[in-house]
Amino acid sequence: MTLRQERTRVLVIDANPVLGQRLQEILTANSVPSLEFDQVPHYDAALEHLRYHSVDVVLVGLNQPDNMGTAGIKLLHESYPTLSVIVLLAGEDPEDIAEARLAGAVDYLRLDAVQKEIWLRAIRYAREQKEIRRCLLDAELELRRRSSTDPLTGLLNRAGIEQSLLRELHICRSESAELLVMLIDLDNFRRLNASLDYSAGDMALQNAAERIRSVVSDAEMTGRAGDDQFLVLLPRMTMEEGMIIAERIRLGIARDRIQVSGKSLMVTASIGLTTVPTDTMTISEVLALAHVALHRSKSLGKNRVCCALTGAGGRGLPKPVMVSGELLQSLLYEGSLRVASQPILRLADQKVVSREMLIRGPEGAFQQPADLFRYCFEKDILTPVDLHCLKKCVTAAREFRDGLPIHVNLMPSTLMETPTDQLIELFNDCGDRRFCVEISEQQLLNNPSHLGSTVKALQAAQIQVAMDDVGFGKNCLEGLIMLQPEIMKIDKKLIIGLGEDRNMRLALKRLLRVTEVLDTEIIAEGIEAEQDLAVLQDYGVNYGQGFYLGKPEFVGVTPATNETVGSASSKLKS
């Protein structure tokens, strides 16, 4: 492309009212009639001009009455990323040139030496740069679209719908509005694939996606959340309005017939609707909530729409039965999980210096957290339940008025799935209360470095990080070195019986030598006997917790009815 082949629109930003006219006379004389000049006096006027007019190249003088200098160039690029800017200078000051290039200018020209060929070449180059930037931006947008789109259905994929979800949650929080979500599950989908072939399943998914699109036209609100599941976001909508939309989608899917091998097959869908609490942080939490309503739809015979309310709206719902797959429903009710507090003491004088918040599951087979979280892991609901436990612990921490630091537990997978800024915001809502996040060494990933950026962000926000359940595994040392936690908590299996077992004492000494190099504070867990405490004091361990020092007690229970959590051989962890 050359300047002679197509008109080039040039915008001059300068307070001198005759500059643009002078440049047009010099540069368009005889040979280049395809240049078109406009002029505005300052950046505000330029931004207004760019709203209504297409511009290829901007010529800007640095000395403007609005005194913005190179900040104005940055502002132009933020508003119009493909725009090419050439700076006009009175002389050739190297400092001005360097500053202009850092701000995003593609070139500079001297006002005291307007040489036609040099100026035309610079304008031609600037226009070419604009075209290159436009092509690169289009390519980047296409890559983003493809990375967030499901290739089979054309809807957003899980990553794409999660981005939309987090955006809508932020908007709803700021507007004190409600977000409704719809989870659509194709009935008997696995049987369809098994009895025929995957092409039949693909056709069913494509037809369902088309029916969803025909009812919900906003592409940013619909996505494929799993193999045979779709998620629809309905912000600022009532449950009644959502039920109408869900019924239209359900009826539309049921009307379709799939022709395969001479057979006509009908596909139906079960749909669950739920409101989303404003403190929700991940798509896993949303799917867990929606599955409660979906479970009702499936259990009532499939091919129907059911709803479940959360928070105040859900108080009228009957408490669900806490068995098998229905356990998740119980975890979403306020009374199903209980919070306990166990003190952490300074061993020298046995003064309480902080508290750890612990979780106990619903009564029955899953009272002990180890059993509860093993079940959650198997059912792929670990993150939403873990975050629910965290929120309950943070809420319970507000009952303590002594200002002592609070320890809470989080799974590594939860830290990776949850936006760090939302975790920090949750802790900051407690005002000046100090928190320490404990990460279990038993659940560390093969590569602890994946948690590095999250850990650094928490520490930068004045939230301490502790490595919990530390033993002698490979991940333990890697985690301590890579994550550099402020605190290391020695697992109770290395503490209980310490006073009677010489080998245990030798092993503990070796571990303590490692922590001296890492400059990490030590907390010993599971102190249940006086002789074990004496060994720890002798070895210079400063802090500890355990039944001998203080048993966990439920938070929010009146003193007369309070009870001890767990037993001496079974410490609760969230």
Protein backbone atom coordinates (compact mmCIF):
# COMPACT_ATOMS: atom_id res chain seq x y z
CA MET A 1 0.00 0.00 0.00
CA THR A 2 1.31 3.51 -0.87
CA LEU A 3 0.09 7.01 -0.17
CA ARG A 4 -0.69 7.49 -3.88
CA GLN A 5 -3.07 4.50 -4.01
CA GLU A 6 -5.38 5.42 -1.12
CA ARG A 7 -6.26 8.52 0.82
CA THR A 8 -4.38 8.88 4.10
CA ARG A 9 -6.17 10.75 6.88
CA VAL A 10 -3.81 12.70 9.13
CA LEU A 11 -4.80 14.34 12.41
CA VAL A 12 -2.56 17.12 13.75
CA ILE A 13 -2.72 17.82 17.50
CA ASP A 14 -1.16 21.22 18.12
CA ALA A 15 -2.18 24.57 19.58
CA ASN A 16 -0.77 26.45 16.55
CA PRO A 17 -3.91 26.93 14.40
CA VAL A 18 -2.05 27.28 11.11
CA LEU A 19 0.27 24.27 11.44
CA GLY A 20 -2.08 21.77 9.82
CA GLN A 21 -2.82 24.09 6.89
CA ARG A 22 0.90 24.75 6.39
CA LEU A 23 1.76 21.05 6.38
CA GLN A 24 -1.02 20.27 3.91
CA GLU A 25 0.26 22.96 1.53
CA ILE A 26 3.83 21.64 1.71
CA LEU A 27 3.13 17.92 1.59
CA THR A 28 0.24 17.82 -0.91
CA ALA A 29 1.64 20.27 -3.42
CA ASN A 30 1.36 18.69 -6.90
CA SER A 31 2.47 15.12 -6.19
CA VAL A 32 0.42 13.81 -3.26
CA PRO A 33 -3.24 14.89 -3.43
CA SER A 34 -4.27 11.77 -1.38
CA LEU A 35 -3.24 13.29 1.97
CA GLU A 36 -6.09 14.75 4.03
CA PHE A 37 -5.36 16.88 7.11
CA ASP A 38 -7.47 17.82 10.15
CA GLN A 39 -6.26 19.71 13.20
CA VAL A 40 -7.34 19.96 16.84
CA PRO A 41 -5.70 22.04 19.61
CA HIS A 42 -5.36 19.42 22.42
CA TYR A 43 -5.79 15.77 23.42
CA ASP A 44 -9.40 16.04 24.64
CA ALA A 45 -10.43 17.43 21.28
CA ALA A 46 -8.44 14.67 19.58
CA LEU A 47 -10.27 11.93 21.48
CA GLU A 48 -13.59 13.55 20.57
CA HIS A 49 -12.52 13.75 16.90
CA LEU A 50 -11.45 10.08 16.85
CA ARG A 51 -14.87 9.01 18.09
CA TYR A 52 -16.46 10.13 14.81
CA HIS A 53 -13.66 10.12 12.23
CA SER A 54 -11.29 7.47 10.93
CA VAL A 55 -7.63 8.52 11.23
CA ASP A 56 -4.54 6.76 9.87
CA VAL A 57 -1.72 8.84 11.36
CA VAL A 58 -1.54 11.34 14.23
CA LEU A 59 1.05 14.14 14.28
CA VAL A 60 1.36 15.57 17.78
CA GLY A 61 3.41 18.39 19.24
CA LEU A 62 4.65 17.66 22.75
CA ASN A 63 4.15 21.20 24.08
CA GLN A 64 0.36 21.41 24.37
CA PRO A 65 -1.74 23.74 26.54
CA ASP A 66 -3.14 20.75 28.48
CA ASN A 67 0.45 19.98 29.59
CA MET A 68 0.06 16.23 29.08
CA GLY A 69 3.26 15.65 27.10
CA THR A 70 3.97 11.98 26.40
CA ALA A 71 1.14 10.97 28.77
CA GLY A 72 -1.20 12.11 26.01
CA ILE A 73 0.40 9.63 23.58
CA LYS A 74 -0.19 6.81 26.08
CA LEU A 75 -3.80 7.93 26.45
CA LEU A 76 -4.28 7.80 22.67
CA HIS A 77 -2.87 4.27 22.50
CA GLU A 78 -5.03 3.07 25.40
CA SER A 79 -8.13 4.35 23.62
CA TYR A 80 -7.08 3.36 20.08
CA PRO A 81 -4.44 0.58 20.17
CA THR A 82 -3.80 0.50 16.41
CA LEU A 83 -3.21 4.25 16.07
CA SER A 84 0.20 5.40 14.76
CA VAL A 85 1.62 8.56 16.36
CA ILE A 86 4.49 10.73 15.08
CA VAL A 87 5.89 13.31 17.47
CA LEU A 88 6.66 16.83 16.21
CA LEU A 89 9.75 18.38 17.82
CA ALA A 90 11.23 21.86 17.61
CA GLY A 91 14.73 20.40 17.58
CA GLU A 92 16.41 17.03 18.01
CA ASP A 93 16.56 16.51 21.77
CA PRO A 94 17.61 12.85 22.43
CA GLU A 95 15.78 12.84 25.75
CA ASP A 96 12.49 13.94 24.15
CA ILE A 97 12.90 11.37 21.38
CA ALA A 98 13.54 8.51 23.82
CA GLU A 99 10.59 9.51 26.01
CA ALA A 100 8.27 9.72 23.00
CA ARG A 101 9.26 6.26 21.77
CA LEU A 102 8.71 4.79 25.23
CA ALA A 103 5.23 6.32 25.19
CA GLY A 104 4.48 4.52 21.90
CA ALA A 105 5.38 7.00 19.14
CA VAL A 106 6.53 5.25 15.93
CA ASP A 107 8.72 8.14 14.77
CA TYR A 108 9.55 11.83 15.19
CA LEU A 109 9.80 14.77 12.79
CA ARG A 110 11.41 18.18 13.17
CA LEU A 111 9.23 21.26 12.76
CA ASP A 112 12.27 23.40 12.08
CA ALA A 113 13.19 21.25 9.05
CA VAL A 114 10.09 20.25 7.07
CA GLN A 115 11.59 18.22 4.21
CA LYS A 116 8.86 16.86 1.99
CA GLU A 117 10.34 13.44 1.10
CA ILE A 118 11.39 12.68 4.68
CA TRP A 119 7.98 13.64 6.04
CA LEU A 120 6.10 11.64 3.40
CA ARG A 121 8.26 8.61 4.06
CA ALA A 122 7.59 8.89 7.81
CA ILE A 123 3.84 9.20 7.26
CA ARG A 124 3.87 6.21 4.88
CA TYR A 125 5.77 4.14 7.45
CA ALA A 126 3.36 5.18 10.22
CA ARG A 127 0.37 4.11 8.15
CA GLU A 128 1.97 0.75 7.41
CA GLN A 129 2.55 0.30 11.14
CA LYS A 130 -1.12 0.99 11.76
CA GLU A 131 -2.10 -1.75 9.30
CA ILE A 132 0.34 -4.18 10.93
CA ARG A 133 -1.05 -3.38 14.38
CA ARG A 134 -4.60 -3.85 13.14
CA CYS A 135 -3.75 -7.27 11.66
CA LEU A 136 -1.99 -8.32 14.85
CA LEU A 137 -4.90 -7.14 16.99
CA ASP A 138 -7.38 -9.02 14.78
CA ALA A 139 -5.23 -12.15 15.05
CA GLU A 140 -5.01 -11.77 18.84
CA LEU A 141 -8.77 -11.34 19.13
CA GLU A 142 -9.32 -14.42 16.98
CA LEU A 143 -6.93 -16.44 19.12
CA ARG A 144 -8.75 -15.28 22.25
CA ARG A 145 -12.06 -16.20 20.68
CA ARG A 146 -10.85 -19.66 19.75
CA SER A 147 -9.25 -20.26 23.15
CA SER A 148 -12.53 -19.41 24.88
CA THR A 149 -14.90 -21.14 22.43
CA ASP A 150 -16.00 -24.77 22.31
CA PRO A 151 -15.24 -25.94 18.74
CA LEU A 152 -18.13 -28.41 18.60
CA THR A 153 -21.02 -26.19 19.74
CA GLY A 154 -19.69 -22.69 19.10
CA LEU A 155 -20.62 -21.66 22.65
CA LEU A 156 -18.07 -20.49 25.19
CA ASN A 157 -15.95 -23.27 26.65
CA ARG A 158 -15.48 -23.69 30.40
CA ALA A 159 -12.67 -21.11 30.55
CA GLY A 160 -14.73 -18.63 28.53
CA ILE A 161 -17.91 -18.96 30.55
CA GLU A 162 -15.87 -18.68 33.76
CA GLN A 163 -14.51 -15.31 32.58
CA SER A 164 -18.05 -14.13 31.88
CA LEU A 165 -19.23 -15.47 35.24
CA LEU A 166 -16.55 -13.62 37.22
CA ARG A 167 -17.28 -10.42 35.29
CA GLU A 168 -21.03 -10.66 35.92
CA LEU A 169 -20.48 -11.45 39.60
CA HIS A 170 -18.36 -8.32 39.93
CA ILE A 171 -21.06 -6.22 38.24
CA CYS A 172 -23.84 -7.73 40.36
CA ARG A 173 -21.84 -7.09 43.54
CA SER A 174 -21.34 -3.44 42.63
CA GLU A 175 -25.03 -3.01 41.73
CA SER A 176 -26.38 -5.13 44.63
CA ALA A 177 -28.14 -7.16 41.95
CA GLU A 178 -28.85 -10.89 41.77
CA LEU A 179 -27.23 -13.40 39.41
CA LEU A 180 -29.24 -16.43 38.35
CA VAL A 181 -27.55 -19.41 36.68
CA MET A 182 -29.01 -22.32 34.75
CA LEU A 183 -27.32 -25.71 34.44
CA ILE A 184 -28.60 -27.84 31.54
CA ASP A 185 -27.80 -31.55 31.45
CA LEU A 186 -28.73 -33.80 28.51
CA ASP A 187 -30.55 -36.88 29.78
CA ASN A 188 -29.08 -40.35 29.14
CA PHE A 189 -26.21 -38.87 27.14
CA ARG A 190 -23.74 -41.62 28.00
CA ARG A 191 -26.23 -44.26 26.93
CA LEU A 192 -26.72 -42.42 23.66
CA ASN A 193 -23.00 -42.50 22.91
CA ALA A 194 -22.65 -46.12 24.02
CA SER A 195 -25.62 -47.49 22.05
CA LEU A 196 -24.86 -45.62 18.82
CA ASP A 197 -21.66 -43.68 18.24
CA TYR A 198 -20.10 -40.36 19.15
CA SER A 199 -21.48 -38.66 16.04
CA ALA A 200 -24.98 -39.04 17.51
CA GLY A 201 -23.78 -37.44 20.73
CA ASP A 202 -22.15 -34.60 18.79
CA MET A 203 -25.40 -33.96 16.93
CA ALA A 204 -27.31 -33.87 20.21
CA LEU A 205 -24.87 -31.34 21.68
CA GLN A 206 -24.98 -29.14 18.57
CA ASN A 207 -28.78 -29.17 18.49
CA ALA A 208 -28.97 -28.32 22.20
CA ALA A 209 -26.51 -25.46 21.74
CA GLU A 210 -28.60 -24.09 18.88
CA ARG A 211 -31.74 -24.22 21.00
CA ILE A 212 -29.96 -22.39 23.83
CA ARG A 213 -28.74 -19.72 21.39
CA SER A 214 -32.25 -19.24 20.00
CA VAL A 215 -33.52 -18.34 23.49
CA VAL A 216 -30.47 -16.59 24.98
CA SER A 217 -28.99 -14.46 22.22
CA ASP A 218 -26.09 -13.00 24.23
CA ALA A 219 -23.13 -15.24 23.34
CA GLU A 220 -21.24 -14.09 26.46
CA MET A 221 -23.90 -15.64 28.71
CA THR A 222 -23.90 -19.23 27.43
CA GLY A 223 -21.20 -21.88 27.58
CA ARG A 224 -20.44 -25.59 27.63
CA ALA A 225 -19.52 -26.50 31.20
CA GLY A 226 -18.90 -30.24 30.77
CA ASP A 227 -19.27 -33.18 28.39
CA ASP A 228 -23.05 -32.96 28.24
CA GLN A 229 -23.75 -29.87 30.34
CA PHE A 230 -24.32 -26.21 29.51
CA LEU A 231 -24.26 -23.16 31.79
CA VAL A 232 -26.38 -20.07 31.18
CA LEU A 233 -25.96 -16.80 33.09
CA LEU A 234 -29.06 -14.71 33.75
CA PRO A 235 -28.01 -11.50 35.54
CA ARG A 236 -30.59 -9.17 37.07
CA MET A 237 -33.37 -11.69 36.49
CA THR A 238 -35.93 -13.14 38.89
CA MET A 239 -36.39 -16.87 39.44
CA GLU A 240 -39.80 -16.69 37.73
CA GLU A 241 -38.26 -15.11 34.62
CA GLY A 242 -35.49 -17.69 34.67
CA MET A 243 -37.99 -20.56 34.90
CA ILE A 244 -39.75 -19.27 31.75
CA ILE A 245 -36.47 -19.15 29.82
CA ALA A 246 -35.47 -22.60 31.11
CA GLU A 247 -38.81 -24.10 30.01
CA ARG A 248 -38.41 -22.63 26.53
CA ILE A 249 -34.97 -24.22 26.25
CA ARG A 250 -36.18 -27.56 27.61
CA LEU A 251 -39.12 -27.69 25.19
CA GLY A 252 -36.90 -26.67 22.29
CA ILE A 253 -34.39 -29.46 22.98
CA ALA A 254 -37.19 -32.05 23.36
CA ARG A 255 -38.68 -31.08 19.97
CA ASP A 256 -35.51 -32.09 18.11
CA ARG A 257 -35.16 -35.54 16.59
CA ILE A 258 -31.80 -37.09 15.70
CA GLN A 259 -31.79 -39.39 12.67
CA VAL A 260 -29.16 -42.10 13.06
CA SER A 261 -29.04 -45.45 11.21
CA GLY A 262 -32.67 -45.15 10.23
CA LYS A 263 -33.75 -44.42 13.79
CA SER A 264 -35.35 -41.25 15.08
CA LEU A 265 -34.16 -40.41 18.58
CA MET A 266 -35.51 -37.77 20.97
CA VAL A 267 -33.09 -36.02 23.32
CA THR A 268 -34.35 -34.39 26.51
CA ALA A 269 -32.69 -32.20 29.11
CA SER A 270 -32.93 -31.75 32.87
CA ILE A 271 -32.38 -28.17 34.04
CA GLY A 272 -31.44 -26.74 37.43
CA LEU A 273 -31.78 -23.05 38.34
CA THR A 274 -30.18 -21.34 41.31
CA THR A 275 -29.22 -17.89 42.51
CA VAL A 276 -25.51 -17.31 43.14
CA PRO A 277 -24.28 -15.69 46.37
CA THR A 278 -22.31 -12.52 45.76
CA ASP A 279 -19.30 -13.91 47.63
CA THR A 280 -18.87 -16.72 45.08
CA MET A 281 -15.30 -16.90 43.73
CA THR A 282 -15.08 -19.77 41.22
CA ILE A 283 -17.12 -21.58 38.60
CA SER A 284 -16.73 -24.76 40.68
CA GLU A 285 -18.84 -23.18 43.42
CA VAL A 286 -21.50 -22.16 40.91
CA LEU A 287 -21.67 -25.63 39.37
CA ALA A 288 -21.93 -27.18 42.83
CA LEU A 289 -24.88 -24.92 43.70
CA ALA A 290 -26.57 -25.57 40.36
CA HIS A 291 -26.09 -29.33 40.76
CA VAL A 292 -28.35 -29.21 43.83
CA ALA A 293 -31.24 -28.05 41.66
CA LEU A 294 -30.22 -30.36 38.82
CA HIS A 295 -30.21 -33.32 41.22
CA ARG A 296 -33.83 -32.55 42.09
CA SER A 297 -34.72 -32.46 38.40
CA LYS A 298 -33.06 -35.82 37.77
CA SER A 299 -34.56 -37.48 40.85
CA LEU A 300 -38.09 -36.37 39.90
CA GLY A 301 -37.93 -38.12 36.54
CA LYS A 302 -35.70 -35.98 34.28
CA ASN A 303 -36.83 -33.72 31.40
CA ARG A 304 -37.97 -31.01 33.78
CA VAL A 305 -36.87 -27.71 35.36
CA CYS A 306 -36.20 -27.40 39.10
CA CYS A 307 -34.90 -24.50 41.14
CA ALA A 308 -32.94 -24.06 44.35
CA LEU A 309 -32.50 -20.79 46.19
CA THR A 310 -29.45 -19.86 48.24
CA GLY A 311 -29.08 -17.51 51.19
CA ALA A 312 -32.28 -15.93 52.49
CA GLY A 313 -34.28 -17.20 49.52
CA GLY A 314 -33.56 -20.82 50.42
CA ARG A 315 -34.81 -20.78 54.01
CA GLY A 316 -38.18 -22.18 53.05
CA LEU A 317 -36.75 -25.25 51.34
CA PRO A 318 -36.85 -28.54 53.26
CA LYS A 319 -33.54 -29.70 54.64
CA PRO A 320 -32.26 -32.39 52.26
CA VAL A 321 -31.43 -35.96 53.27
CA MET A 322 -27.70 -36.31 53.98
CA VAL A 323 -26.93 -39.54 52.17
CA SER A 324 -24.82 -40.55 49.19
CA GLY A 325 -24.93 -38.05 46.30
CA GLU A 326 -27.28 -35.78 48.25
CA LEU A 327 -24.51 -34.95 50.72
CA LEU A 328 -23.49 -31.93 48.65
CA GLN A 329 -26.94 -30.41 49.25
CA SER A 330 -26.39 -30.56 52.99
CA LEU A 331 -23.04 -28.80 52.70
CA LEU A 332 -24.71 -25.77 51.15
CA TYR A 333 -26.88 -25.17 54.21
CA GLU A 334 -25.50 -22.99 56.98
CA GLY A 335 -25.97 -25.54 59.75
CA SER A 336 -24.36 -28.52 58.04
CA LEU A 337 -20.74 -27.54 58.67
CA ARG A 338 -19.53 -26.38 62.06
CA VAL A 339 -16.47 -24.30 62.91
CA ALA A 340 -14.20 -24.95 65.88
CA SER A 341 -11.23 -23.00 67.21
CA GLN A 342 -8.03 -24.46 68.65
CA PRO A 343 -5.42 -22.23 70.32
CA ILE A 344 -1.78 -22.04 69.24
CA LEU A 345 0.50 -21.31 72.21
CA ARG A 346 3.99 -20.05 72.89
CA LEU A 347 5.60 -23.06 74.57
CA ALA A 348 7.88 -21.08 76.89
CA ASP A 349 5.03 -19.58 78.93
CA GLN A 350 2.01 -21.36 77.31
CA LYS A 351 0.42 -18.06 76.31
CA VAL A 352 -2.11 -18.14 73.43
CA VAL A 353 -0.63 -16.29 70.42
CA SER A 354 -3.05 -17.29 67.63
CA ARG A 355 -5.97 -19.56 66.77
CA GLU A 356 -6.63 -22.14 64.09
CA MET A 357 -10.17 -22.42 62.72
CA LEU A 358 -11.20 -26.04 62.12
CA ILE A 359 -14.13 -27.65 60.32
CA ARG A 360 -16.33 -30.57 61.33
CA GLY A 361 -18.63 -32.15 58.73
CA PRO A 362 -22.29 -33.14 59.00
CA GLU A 363 -23.14 -35.77 61.57
CA GLY A 364 -22.72 -39.28 60.24
CA ALA A 365 -20.07 -40.89 58.07
CA PHE A 366 -18.50 -37.58 57.08
CA GLN A 367 -18.06 -35.89 60.45
CA GLN A 368 -14.29 -36.13 60.24
CA PRO A 369 -12.82 -33.73 57.66
CA ALA A 370 -10.48 -36.39 56.27
CA ASP A 371 -13.51 -38.49 55.26
CA LEU A 372 -15.49 -35.47 54.12
CA PHE A 373 -12.81 -34.07 51.84
CA ARG A 374 -11.92 -37.51 50.45
CA TYR A 375 -15.57 -37.81 49.39
CA CYS A 376 -15.53 -34.31 47.90
CA PHE A 377 -12.39 -35.14 45.92
CA GLU A 378 -14.01 -38.29 44.50
CA LYS A 379 -17.13 -36.34 43.50
CA ASP A 380 -15.12 -33.44 41.98
CA ILE A 381 -16.62 -30.89 44.40
CA LEU A 382 -13.51 -30.26 46.49
CA THR A 383 -13.00 -26.60 45.58
CA PRO A 384 -16.57 -25.35 46.24
CA VAL A 385 -16.76 -27.18 49.57
CA ASP A 386 -13.28 -26.01 50.56
CA LEU A 387 -14.19 -22.39 49.78
CA HIS A 388 -17.45 -22.76 51.69
CA CYS A 389 -15.43 -23.95 54.70
CA LEU A 390 -13.06 -21.00 54.34
CA LYS A 391 -15.91 -18.48 54.30
CA LYS A 392 -17.45 -20.03 57.40
CA CYS A 393 -14.09 -19.92 59.18
CA VAL A 394 -13.51 -16.27 58.25
CA THR A 395 -17.02 -15.39 59.42
CA ALA A 396 -16.50 -17.26 62.71
CA ALA A 397 -13.20 -15.43 63.25
CA ARG A 398 -15.13 -12.18 63.66
CA GLU A 399 -16.45 -13.44 67.01
CA PHE A 400 -12.99 -13.14 68.57
CA ARG A 401 -12.24 -9.61 69.77
CA ASP A 402 -8.70 -10.11 71.07
CA GLY A 403 -7.00 -9.32 67.76
CA LEU A 404 -4.96 -12.55 67.69
CA PRO A 405 -3.98 -13.91 64.24
CA ILE A 406 -6.30 -16.51 62.73
CA HIS A 407 -5.08 -19.61 60.88
CA VAL A 408 -7.31 -21.06 58.12
CA ASN A 409 -6.74 -24.06 55.86
CA LEU A 410 -6.95 -24.20 52.05
CA MET A 411 -6.30 -26.96 49.55
CA PRO A 412 -3.59 -26.27 46.92
CA SER A 413 -6.16 -26.95 44.18
CA THR A 414 -8.46 -24.31 45.67
CA LEU A 415 -5.64 -21.75 45.70
CA MET A 416 -4.96 -22.46 42.02
CA GLU A 417 -8.62 -22.24 40.93
CA THR A 418 -9.60 -19.15 42.92
CA PRO A 419 -8.66 -15.60 41.82
CA THR A 420 -6.15 -14.42 44.40
CA ASP A 421 -7.58 -10.90 44.56
CA GLN A 422 -10.92 -12.33 45.68
CA LEU A 423 -9.27 -14.34 48.44
CA ILE A 424 -7.47 -11.22 49.62
CA GLU A 425 -10.73 -9.25 49.52
CA LEU A 426 -12.40 -11.92 51.68
CA PHE A 427 -9.68 -11.58 54.32
CA ASN A 428 -9.67 -7.78 54.11
CA ASP A 429 -13.39 -7.72 54.91
CA CYS A 430 -12.39 -8.63 58.48
CA GLY A 431 -10.68 -5.28 58.92
CA ASP A 432 -7.37 -5.37 60.80
CA ARG A 433 -7.62 -9.07 61.61
CA ARG A 434 -4.41 -10.90 60.64
CA PHE A 435 -4.66 -14.21 58.82
CA CYS A 436 -2.38 -17.12 58.03
CA VAL A 437 -3.28 -19.52 55.21
CA GLU A 438 -2.18 -23.08 55.90
CA ILE A 439 -1.39 -25.23 52.85
CA SER A 440 -1.27 -28.96 53.49
CA GLU A 441 1.99 -30.64 52.50
CA GLN A 442 0.03 -33.87 52.06
CA GLN A 443 -1.95 -32.35 49.18
CA LEU A 444 0.88 -30.47 47.45
CA LEU A 445 1.11 -30.89 43.70
CA ASN A 446 4.05 -32.58 42.03
CA ASN A 447 5.39 -29.13 41.23
CA PRO A 448 4.81 -26.72 44.15
CA SER A 449 6.05 -23.82 42.01
CA HIS A 450 2.56 -23.64 40.46
CA LEU A 451 1.48 -22.00 43.71
CA GLY A 452 4.37 -19.53 43.74
CA SER A 453 2.59 -16.48 42.32
CA THR A 454 -0.44 -17.02 44.57
CA VAL A 455 1.71 -17.36 47.69
CA LYS A 456 3.68 -14.21 46.83
CA ALA A 457 0.46 -12.25 46.28
CA LEU A 458 -0.92 -13.34 49.64
CA GLN A 459 2.31 -12.45 51.41
CA ALA A 460 2.40 -9.07 49.66
CA ALA A 461 -1.09 -8.45 51.09
CA GLN A 462 0.26 -9.12 54.62
CA ILE A 463 -1.35 -12.58 54.76
CA GLN A 464 1.06 -15.15 56.15
CA VAL A 465 1.49 -18.58 54.58
CA ALA A 466 2.16 -21.79 56.51
CA MET A 467 3.16 -25.22 55.23
CA ASP A 468 0.96 -27.63 57.15
CA ASP A 469 1.39 -31.34 57.97
CA VAL A 470 5.11 -31.25 57.22
CA GLY A 471 6.82 -34.65 57.23
CA PHE A 472 9.81 -35.95 55.32
CA GLY A 473 8.45 -36.33 51.77
CA LYS A 474 10.06 -34.99 48.61
CA ASN A 475 7.25 -32.46 48.18
CA CYS A 476 7.87 -31.14 51.69
CA LEU A 477 11.38 -29.91 50.95
CA GLU A 478 10.45 -28.67 47.47
CA GLY A 479 7.49 -26.77 48.88
CA LEU A 480 9.52 -25.16 51.64
CA ILE A 481 12.24 -24.06 49.21
CA MET A 482 9.97 -22.87 46.38
CA LEU A 483 7.13 -21.29 48.35
CA GLN A 484 9.18 -19.86 51.24
CA PRO A 485 6.36 -19.89 53.82
CA GLU A 486 6.76 -17.88 57.00
CA ILE A 487 5.59 -20.81 59.13
CA MET A 488 6.12 -24.57 59.07
CA LYS A 489 3.75 -26.81 61.05
CA ILE A 490 5.23 -30.19 61.98
CA ASP A 491 2.71 -32.99 61.55
CA LYS A 492 1.50 -34.71 64.71
CA LYS A 493 2.85 -38.09 63.55
CA LEU A 494 6.33 -36.68 64.25
CA ILE A 495 5.29 -35.32 67.68
CA ILE A 496 3.09 -37.89 69.42
CA GLY A 497 5.37 -40.20 71.41
CA LEU A 498 8.41 -37.96 70.95
CA GLY A 499 9.42 -38.21 74.60
CA GLU A 500 9.61 -42.01 74.46
CA ASP A 501 11.11 -42.63 71.00
CA ARG A 502 14.80 -41.84 70.45
CA ASN A 503 14.55 -42.26 66.65
CA MET A 504 11.73 -39.74 66.49
CA ARG A 505 13.85 -37.25 68.42
CA LEU A 506 16.77 -37.72 66.00
CA ALA A 507 14.46 -37.24 63.02
CA LEU A 508 13.01 -34.08 64.53
CA LYS A 509 16.50 -32.67 65.13
CA ARG A 510 17.36 -33.15 61.44
CA LEU A 511 14.16 -31.40 60.37
CA LEU A 512 14.82 -28.48 62.70
CA ARG A 513 18.29 -28.01 61.19
CA VAL A 514 16.65 -27.64 57.78
CA THR A 515 14.26 -24.99 59.06
CA GLU A 516 17.13 -22.98 60.55
CA VAL A 517 18.56 -22.56 57.03
CA LEU A 518 15.15 -21.61 55.61
CA ASP A 519 14.48 -19.06 58.40
CA THR A 520 10.98 -20.47 58.99
CA GLU A 521 9.03 -20.30 62.24
CA ILE A 522 8.01 -23.68 63.68
CA ILE A 523 4.65 -24.77 65.14
CA ALA A 524 4.45 -28.33 66.49
CA GLU A 525 1.06 -30.00 66.12
CA GLY A 526 -0.38 -32.87 68.15
CA ILE A 527 1.16 -32.07 71.56
CA GLU A 528 -0.77 -34.51 73.77
CA ALA A 529 1.67 -35.38 76.57
CA GLU A 530 3.85 -33.49 79.02
CA GLN A 531 7.02 -35.41 78.04
CA ASP A 532 6.52 -34.51 74.35
CA LEU A 533 6.14 -30.84 75.30
CA ALA A 534 9.36 -31.03 77.37
CA VAL A 535 11.34 -32.35 74.39
CA LEU A 536 10.03 -29.59 72.11
CA GLN A 537 10.94 -26.92 74.66
CA ASP A 538 14.40 -28.44 75.03
CA TYR A 539 14.87 -28.40 71.22
CA GLY A 540 13.95 -24.72 71.02
CA VAL A 541 10.58 -25.09 69.29
CA ASN A 542 8.76 -21.88 70.10
CA TYR A 543 5.12 -22.63 69.32
CA GLY A 544 2.71 -25.55 69.43
CA GLN A 545 -0.86 -26.79 69.64
CA GLY A 546 -2.54 -29.99 70.77
CA PHE A 547 -4.95 -31.49 73.25
CA TYR A 548 -2.47 -31.11 76.11
CA LEU A 549 -2.36 -27.34 75.54
CA GLY A 550 -5.96 -26.67 74.50
CA LYS A 551 -8.76 -28.67 72.90
CA PRO A 552 -10.78 -27.37 69.92
CA GLU A 553 -14.13 -25.88 70.84
CA PHE A 554 -17.03 -25.01 68.58
CA VAL A 555 -17.42 -21.33 67.75
CA GLY A 556 -20.83 -19.80 68.39
CA VAL A 557 -21.89 -22.44 70.95
CA THR A 558 -22.87 -21.20 74.41
CA PRO A 559 -20.36 -22.09 77.17
CA ALA A 560 -22.90 -24.26 78.99
CA THR A 561 -23.38 -26.53 75.99
CA ASN A 562 -19.98 -26.26 74.36
CA GLU A 563 -18.26 -29.52 73.52
CA THR A 564 -14.79 -30.66 72.56
CA VAL A 565 -14.26 -31.39 68.89
CA GLY A 566 -12.92 -34.79 67.87
CA SER A 567 -10.65 -36.90 70.04
CA ALA A 568 -7.05 -36.89 71.13
CA SER A 569 -6.07 -39.14 68.25
CA SER A 570 -8.08 -37.34 65.56
CA LYS A 571 -7.37 -33.65 65.03
CA LEU A 572 -9.81 -31.80 62.79
CA LYS A 573 -8.57 -30.04 59.66
CA SER A 574 -10.40 -28.02 57.06
